[in-house]
Each structure stands twice: as C-alpha cells, then as structure tokens.
Protein backbone atom coordinates (compact mmCIF):
# COMPACT_ATOMS: atom_id res chain seq x y z
CA GLN A 1 -106.38 -95.72 96.70
CA THR A 2 -106.29 -91.94 97.13
CA SER A 3 -103.02 -90.08 96.77
CA PHE A 4 -102.54 -86.57 98.09
CA ARG A 5 -99.48 -85.90 95.98
CA ALA A 6 -99.72 -83.54 93.02
CA GLY A 7 -99.65 -85.16 89.61
CA GLU A 8 -96.95 -84.64 87.03
CA GLY A 9 -98.86 -81.88 85.25
CA ASP A 10 -99.61 -79.90 88.39
CA ALA A 11 -96.25 -78.13 88.73
CA LEU A 12 -97.85 -74.67 88.76
CA ALA A 13 -100.37 -75.67 91.44
CA GLU A 14 -97.60 -77.15 93.54
CA MET A 15 -95.48 -74.02 93.16
CA VAL A 16 -98.39 -71.79 94.21
CA PHE A 17 -99.17 -74.07 97.16
CA LEU A 18 -95.59 -74.11 98.41
CA SER A 19 -95.20 -70.35 97.88
CA LEU A 20 -98.33 -69.62 99.90
CA LEU A 21 -97.23 -71.91 102.71
CA THR A 22 -93.77 -70.35 102.76
CA ALA A 23 -95.25 -66.85 102.97
CA CYS A 24 -97.61 -68.07 105.70
CA MET A 25 -94.73 -69.46 107.71
CA GLY A 26 -92.75 -66.25 107.27
CA LEU A 27 -95.65 -64.13 108.49
CA GLY A 28 -96.15 -66.47 111.43
CA LEU A 29 -92.51 -66.13 112.43
CA GLN A 30 -92.74 -62.35 112.05
CA THR A 31 -95.77 -62.36 114.34
CA VAL A 32 -93.86 -64.33 116.97
CA LEU A 33 -90.86 -61.99 116.66
CA ILE A 34 -93.02 -58.87 117.08
CA ALA A 35 -94.82 -60.38 120.09
CA MET A 36 -91.53 -61.35 121.71
CA LEU A 37 -89.94 -57.93 121.20
CA VAL A 38 -93.02 -56.07 122.42
CA ALA A 39 -93.23 -58.26 125.52
CA MET A 40 -89.54 -57.73 126.29
CA LEU A 41 -88.91 -54.11 125.33
CA GLY A 42 -92.23 -52.47 126.24
CA PRO A 43 -92.10 -53.08 129.99
CA SER A 44 -88.38 -52.36 129.99
CA LEU A 45 -89.00 -48.91 128.49
CA ALA A 46 -91.82 -48.25 130.95
CA LEU A 47 -89.69 -49.15 133.97
CA ARG A 48 -86.23 -47.88 132.98
CA GLY A 49 -87.03 -45.00 130.66
CA PRO A 50 -87.06 -41.31 131.48
CA ASP A 51 -90.04 -39.55 133.03
CA GLY A 52 -93.17 -39.90 130.94
CA SER A 53 -91.99 -43.04 129.19
CA LEU A 54 -94.83 -45.13 130.60
CA ALA A 55 -97.33 -43.45 128.27
CA ASP A 56 -94.91 -43.88 125.34
CA ALA A 57 -94.44 -47.56 126.15
CA VAL A 58 -98.18 -48.21 126.39
CA ALA A 59 -98.86 -46.34 123.12
CA GLY A 60 -96.07 -48.23 121.37
CA MET A 61 -97.31 -51.57 122.65
CA GLN A 62 -100.84 -50.77 121.47
CA GLY A 63 -99.54 -49.81 118.03
CA TYR A 64 -97.49 -52.96 117.66
CA THR A 65 -100.40 -55.06 118.88
CA LYS A 66 -102.36 -53.87 115.83
CA VAL A 67 -99.41 -54.72 113.56
CA MET A 68 -99.08 -58.14 115.19
CA LEU A 69 -102.77 -58.85 114.75
CA ALA A 70 -102.58 -57.82 111.09
CA THR A 71 -99.63 -60.13 110.37
CA PHE A 72 -101.37 -62.98 112.19
CA MET A 73 -104.57 -62.48 110.18
CA ALA A 74 -102.54 -62.31 106.96
CA ALA A 75 -100.84 -65.60 107.87
CA LEU A 76 -104.22 -67.21 108.51
CA GLY A 77 -105.54 -65.85 105.22
CA LEU A 78 -102.60 -67.31 103.32
CA LEU A 79 -103.07 -70.62 105.06
CA LEU A 80 -106.71 -70.67 103.98
CA LEU A 81 -105.78 -69.71 100.41
CA SER A 82 -103.28 -72.56 100.19
CA ALA A 83 -105.85 -75.19 101.12
C-alpha cells in the first residue's frame, strides 16, 4: 500500500514543501488582488478623472498587467518546484 505522507525523517522536506505552497498561495492571492484593483480602478480613473486621464489609465493598466503576469508566473513556478 502506497502512502503519500512524509516519513518521520522527512521534516525538512515537509517544511520546504509547505513553505513553497504557502508562498505559491500568497502570490496567487496577490495576483487576484492586483487584477481586481486594476479592473475596478482603471476604468474609474479613465471615466471620472481629469482631462488626459484616459492615457494615464491605459498606461497604468498595461504596467500592472505586466506585474500581474509576473506574480502569476512566479506562483506557477513555485507550484512546480513544490511538486
């Protein structure tokens, strides 16, 4: 019978595994938070901001899209490392 639980001597491996998964989950939540804020605040700035704010909103949304993609890729990388 195969068991997927770590043995008694694998405390370091279990700690690394859980740390990587925790960091992965944190980066995933950060990605969701950035996506939510960009989707809410970007169009609001474009519509309600002063003259010329449409270009600022689009540039800001493009910048944060790169940040969001980087955090998502980092989360995927940590998930692959934990496996």
